[in-house]
N, C-alpha and C. Protein backbone atom coordinates (compact mmCIF):
# COMPACT_ATOMS: atom_id res chain seq x y z
N MET A 1 105.76 108.65 93.73
CA MET A 1 106.58 109.90 93.67
C MET A 1 107.88 109.61 92.76
N LYS A 2 108.24 110.78 91.90
CA LYS A 2 109.41 110.66 91.21
C LYS A 2 110.19 111.81 91.32
N ALA A 3 111.52 111.62 91.25
CA ALA A 3 112.48 112.74 91.30
C ALA A 3 113.74 112.59 90.59
N LEU A 4 114.27 113.59 90.15
CA LEU A 4 115.49 113.63 89.14
C LEU A 4 116.79 113.42 89.93
N PHE A 5 117.35 112.47 90.16
CA PHE A 5 118.49 111.91 90.94
C PHE A 5 119.87 112.28 90.09
N GLY A 6 120.82 112.74 90.62
CA GLY A 6 122.04 112.72 89.97
C GLY A 6 123.13 112.27 91.07
N ARG A 7 124.34 111.89 90.39
CA ARG A 7 125.35 111.27 91.19
C ARG A 7 126.48 112.25 91.34
N LYS A 8 127.04 112.19 92.58
CA LYS A 8 128.18 113.01 92.99
C LYS A 8 128.15 114.48 92.51
N PHE A 9 127.12 115.14 92.94
CA PHE A 9 127.20 116.62 92.75
C PHE A 9 128.11 117.22 93.92
N TYR A 10 128.69 118.22 93.57
CA TYR A 10 129.50 118.92 94.65
C TYR A 10 128.70 119.74 95.44
N ASN A 11 127.79 120.49 94.97
CA ASN A 11 127.05 121.29 95.82
C ASN A 11 125.34 121.56 95.04
N LEU A 12 124.66 122.34 96.00
CA LEU A 12 123.39 122.64 95.49
C LEU A 12 123.11 123.34 94.10
N LYS A 13 124.28 124.15 93.82
CA LYS A 13 124.13 124.89 92.50
C LYS A 13 124.26 123.92 91.49
N GLU A 14 125.17 122.92 91.42
CA GLU A 14 125.39 121.99 90.43
C GLU A 14 124.12 121.30 90.28
N LEU A 15 123.66 120.88 91.54
CA LEU A 15 122.38 119.97 91.47
C LEU A 15 121.16 120.79 90.82
N LYS A 16 121.08 122.01 91.04
CA LYS A 16 119.90 122.75 90.46
C LYS A 16 120.07 122.99 88.97
N GLU A 17 121.36 123.23 88.58
CA GLU A 17 121.60 123.32 87.23
C GLU A 17 121.31 122.01 86.45
N ALA A 18 121.75 121.06 86.95
CA ALA A 18 121.59 119.72 86.19
C ALA A 18 120.04 119.18 86.39
N THR A 19 119.35 119.60 87.30
CA THR A 19 117.87 119.30 87.36
C THR A 19 117.20 120.22 86.32
N GLU A 20 117.48 121.46 86.23
CA GLU A 20 116.72 122.16 85.16
C GLU A 20 117.16 121.67 83.67
N GLU A 21 118.36 121.40 83.60
CA GLU A 21 118.80 120.71 82.20
C GLU A 21 117.99 119.44 81.85
N ALA A 22 117.95 118.69 82.95
CA ALA A 22 117.29 117.29 82.78
C ALA A 22 115.72 117.51 82.52
N LYS A 23 115.19 118.72 83.15
CA LYS A 23 113.79 118.87 82.92
C LYS A 23 113.55 119.33 81.44
N GLU A 24 114.40 120.21 81.03
CA GLU A 24 114.43 120.73 79.63
C GLU A 24 114.41 119.79 78.63
N ASP A 25 115.25 118.58 79.06
CA ASP A 25 115.53 117.63 77.97
C ASP A 25 114.38 116.48 78.10
N GLY A 26 113.39 116.63 78.90
CA GLY A 26 112.36 115.83 79.07
C GLY A 26 112.55 114.44 79.92
N VAL A 27 113.69 114.51 80.60
CA VAL A 27 114.06 113.27 81.47
C VAL A 27 112.93 113.02 82.58
N ILE A 28 112.59 111.93 82.74
CA ILE A 28 111.65 111.39 83.72
C ILE A 28 112.42 111.00 84.96
N GLY A 29 111.98 111.31 86.12
CA GLY A 29 112.62 111.06 87.27
C GLY A 29 112.46 109.56 87.72
N SER A 30 113.15 109.31 88.76
CA SER A 30 113.04 107.81 89.35
C SER A 30 112.06 107.79 90.43
N ASP A 31 111.52 106.61 90.70
CA ASP A 31 110.59 106.37 91.78
C ASP A 31 111.40 106.31 93.00
N TYR A 32 110.87 106.81 94.08
CA TYR A 32 111.64 106.86 95.30
C TYR A 32 110.58 106.77 96.45
N THR A 33 111.16 106.13 97.64
CA THR A 33 110.40 106.29 98.87
C THR A 33 111.31 106.87 99.98
N VAL A 34 110.64 107.70 100.89
CA VAL A 34 111.56 108.08 102.04
C VAL A 34 111.45 107.32 103.27
N ILE A 35 112.68 107.07 103.50
CA ILE A 35 112.79 106.17 104.73
C ILE A 35 112.90 106.89 106.16
N ARG A 36 113.36 108.07 106.12
CA ARG A 36 113.39 108.81 107.07
C ARG A 36 113.56 110.28 106.66
N GLU A 37 113.39 111.25 107.70
CA GLU A 37 113.61 112.64 107.50
C GLU A 37 114.57 113.30 108.51
N VAL A 38 115.39 114.20 108.05
CA VAL A 38 116.47 114.94 108.89
C VAL A 38 116.07 116.43 108.45
N GLU A 39 115.83 117.10 109.80
CA GLU A 39 115.51 118.55 109.76
C GLU A 39 116.81 119.15 110.26
N LEU A 40 117.31 120.36 109.41
CA LEU A 40 118.44 121.03 109.65
C LEU A 40 118.04 122.53 109.81
N SER A 41 118.91 123.23 110.61
CA SER A 41 118.54 124.64 110.56
C SER A 41 119.10 125.19 109.29
N ASP A 42 118.83 126.59 109.22
CA ASP A 42 119.20 127.04 107.96
C ASP A 42 120.76 127.04 107.63
N SER A 43 121.56 127.31 108.65
CA SER A 43 122.91 127.37 108.77
C SER A 43 123.46 125.98 108.45
N GLU A 44 122.84 125.02 109.07
CA GLU A 44 123.28 123.57 108.87
C GLU A 44 122.92 122.95 107.49
N PHE A 45 121.90 123.40 106.96
CA PHE A 45 121.46 123.07 105.66
C PHE A 45 122.25 123.61 104.59
N LYS A 46 122.63 124.97 104.67
CA LYS A 46 123.65 125.64 103.95
C LYS A 46 125.06 124.94 103.80
N LYS A 47 125.35 124.70 105.14
CA LYS A 47 126.74 123.89 105.13
C LYS A 47 126.49 122.61 104.37
N PHE A 48 125.60 121.75 104.57
CA PHE A 48 125.38 120.40 104.04
C PHE A 48 125.21 120.77 102.62
N THR A 49 124.49 121.68 101.92
CA THR A 49 124.35 121.68 100.42
C THR A 49 125.44 122.42 99.82
N SER A 50 126.45 122.88 100.63
CA SER A 50 127.73 123.49 99.99
C SER A 50 128.58 122.40 99.48
N ASP A 51 128.56 121.21 100.27
CA ASP A 51 129.50 120.18 99.92
C ASP A 51 128.99 118.77 100.08
N PHE A 52 128.23 118.31 99.04
CA PHE A 52 127.49 117.25 99.05
C PHE A 52 128.54 115.87 99.26
N LEU A 53 129.73 116.03 99.11
CA LEU A 53 130.76 114.97 99.00
C LEU A 53 131.30 114.81 100.45
N GLU A 54 130.97 115.90 101.39
CA GLU A 54 131.21 115.55 102.80
C GLU A 54 130.53 114.45 103.38
N ASP A 55 131.14 113.63 104.21
CA ASP A 55 130.41 112.70 104.97
C ASP A 55 129.61 113.20 105.96
N GLN A 56 128.47 112.69 106.34
CA GLN A 56 127.51 113.41 107.32
C GLN A 56 127.10 112.24 108.32
N PRO A 57 127.10 112.81 109.71
CA PRO A 57 126.90 111.87 110.79
C PRO A 57 125.65 111.19 110.84
N TRP A 58 124.53 111.74 110.12
CA TRP A 58 123.31 111.18 110.21
C TRP A 58 122.99 110.41 109.18
N ILE A 59 124.01 110.08 108.15
CA ILE A 59 123.99 108.98 107.11
C ILE A 59 124.55 107.89 107.48
N LYS A 60 123.85 106.63 107.58
CA LYS A 60 124.52 105.29 107.81
C LYS A 60 124.60 104.48 106.33
N LYS A 61 125.61 103.72 106.50
CA LYS A 61 126.03 103.05 105.33
C LYS A 61 124.80 102.10 104.70
N SER A 62 123.84 101.69 105.79
CA SER A 62 122.82 100.95 105.36
C SER A 62 121.55 101.80 104.80
N ASP A 63 121.80 103.05 104.83
CA ASP A 63 120.56 103.96 104.15
C ASP A 63 120.76 103.64 102.63
N GLY A 64 119.73 104.04 101.91
CA GLY A 64 119.78 104.04 100.43
C GLY A 64 119.42 102.73 99.79
N GLY A 65 119.95 102.70 98.69
CA GLY A 65 119.75 101.49 97.93
C GLY A 65 118.11 101.40 97.38
N THR A 66 117.64 100.18 97.13
CA THR A 66 116.35 100.23 96.35
C THR A 66 115.58 99.15 97.44
N ASN A 67 114.23 99.31 97.29
CA ASN A 67 113.40 98.50 97.92
C ASN A 67 112.92 97.30 96.96
N GLU A 68 111.99 96.54 97.53
CA GLU A 68 111.53 95.35 96.80
C GLU A 68 110.73 95.87 95.44
N LYS A 69 110.06 97.10 95.52
CA LYS A 69 109.52 97.46 94.28
C LYS A 69 110.28 98.23 93.25
N GLY A 70 111.64 98.31 93.56
CA GLY A 70 112.66 99.01 92.81
C GLY A 70 112.68 100.62 93.05
N GLU A 71 111.91 101.05 93.94
CA GLU A 71 112.03 102.47 94.22
C GLU A 71 113.33 102.85 95.13
N LEU A 72 113.82 103.80 94.77
CA LEU A 72 115.22 104.33 95.54
C LEU A 72 114.72 104.68 97.04
N ARG A 73 115.44 104.16 97.90
CA ARG A 73 115.19 104.59 99.41
C ARG A 73 116.06 105.83 99.57
N CYS A 74 115.35 106.73 100.29
CA CYS A 74 115.95 108.11 100.34
C CYS A 74 115.84 108.64 101.62
N ILE A 75 116.63 109.56 102.08
CA ILE A 75 116.53 110.42 103.27
C ILE A 75 116.17 111.85 102.71
N ARG A 76 114.97 112.41 103.35
CA ARG A 76 114.54 113.63 103.02
C ARG A 76 115.09 114.61 104.10
N VAL A 77 116.08 115.58 103.35
CA VAL A 77 116.73 116.45 104.34
C VAL A 77 115.98 117.85 104.27
N ILE A 78 115.45 118.36 105.36
CA ILE A 78 114.69 119.43 105.24
C ILE A 78 115.14 120.92 105.95
N ASN A 79 115.18 121.91 105.34
CA ASN A 79 115.54 123.26 105.82
C ASN A 79 114.50 123.62 106.64
N LYS A 80 114.58 123.52 108.07
CA LYS A 80 113.42 123.73 108.73
C LYS A 80 113.15 125.24 108.85
N ASP A 81 114.04 126.14 108.39
CA ASP A 81 113.45 127.59 108.19
C ASP A 81 112.99 127.97 107.10
N THR A 82 113.32 127.28 105.86
CA THR A 82 112.84 127.73 104.60
C THR A 82 111.89 126.55 103.88
N GLY A 83 111.83 125.34 104.58
CA GLY A 83 110.94 124.37 103.82
C GLY A 83 111.63 123.76 102.66
N GLU A 84 112.95 124.11 102.25
CA GLU A 84 113.53 123.41 101.03
C GLU A 84 113.84 122.06 101.39
N LYS A 85 113.75 121.25 100.38
CA LYS A 85 113.94 119.67 100.72
C LYS A 85 114.72 119.17 99.48
N ILE A 86 115.91 118.39 100.19
CA ILE A 86 116.84 117.56 99.22
C ILE A 86 116.66 116.11 99.43
N LEU A 87 116.54 115.28 98.63
CA LEU A 87 116.53 113.75 98.74
C LEU A 87 117.90 113.24 98.64
N THR A 88 118.24 112.29 99.37
CA THR A 88 119.66 111.82 99.21
C THR A 88 119.51 110.36 99.44
N ASN A 89 120.21 109.57 98.34
CA ASN A 89 120.25 108.09 98.39
C ASN A 89 121.93 107.88 98.51
N PRO A 90 122.38 107.52 99.65
CA PRO A 90 123.97 107.51 99.86
C PRO A 90 124.54 106.11 99.30
N GLU A 91 123.62 105.14 98.84
CA GLU A 91 123.85 103.89 98.21
C GLU A 91 125.05 103.25 98.98
N GLY A 92 125.15 103.21 100.27
CA GLY A 92 125.99 102.50 101.05
C GLY A 92 127.24 103.27 101.74
N TYR A 93 127.20 104.59 101.29
CA TYR A 93 128.42 105.53 101.81
C TYR A 93 127.81 106.42 102.83
N ASP A 94 128.66 107.25 103.30
CA ASP A 94 128.56 108.13 104.52
C ASP A 94 128.14 109.45 103.97
N TYR A 95 128.12 109.79 102.57
CA TYR A 95 127.93 111.02 102.01
C TYR A 95 126.59 111.00 101.04
N PRO A 96 125.97 112.16 100.70
CA PRO A 96 124.82 111.80 99.79
C PRO A 96 125.41 111.65 98.37
N ARG A 97 125.60 110.33 98.02
CA ARG A 97 126.12 110.07 96.77
C ARG A 97 125.25 110.29 95.46
N TYR A 98 123.94 110.24 95.69
CA TYR A 98 122.90 110.63 94.93
C TYR A 98 122.08 111.50 95.38
N CYS A 99 121.62 112.69 94.61
CA CYS A 99 120.75 113.65 95.29
C CYS A 99 119.85 114.22 94.27
N ALA A 100 118.70 114.62 94.94
CA ALA A 100 117.54 115.15 94.02
C ALA A 100 116.95 116.37 94.77
N ILE A 101 116.31 117.15 94.02
CA ILE A 101 115.45 118.27 94.70
C ILE A 101 114.15 117.63 94.93
N GLU A 102 113.61 118.03 95.91
CA GLU A 102 112.11 117.37 95.94
C GLU A 102 111.23 118.64 95.88
N ASP A 103 110.30 118.63 94.99
CA ASP A 103 109.16 119.69 94.71
C ASP A 103 108.10 119.73 95.52
């Protein structure tokens, strides 16, 4: 699986704009693997995606990084009301340092 990850986006709007631009430029995504899933209600998901730089209680500093195959280790965050999915690789931080939209 591949996804277009970006670093330190402020919110979902910025992530969507950068993703569309990268697709138009022909950028190929990075390989990733999902290490766990977090389901959020619509209101929780909107709060999460309104400020990606905010620490999250469900992110551990040990989450993220890469595995032995070189794939990014990600948390899949799911809006359980709409099905929208965001991937995050916190790279040793408590916030979603790298994010991608999962198609």
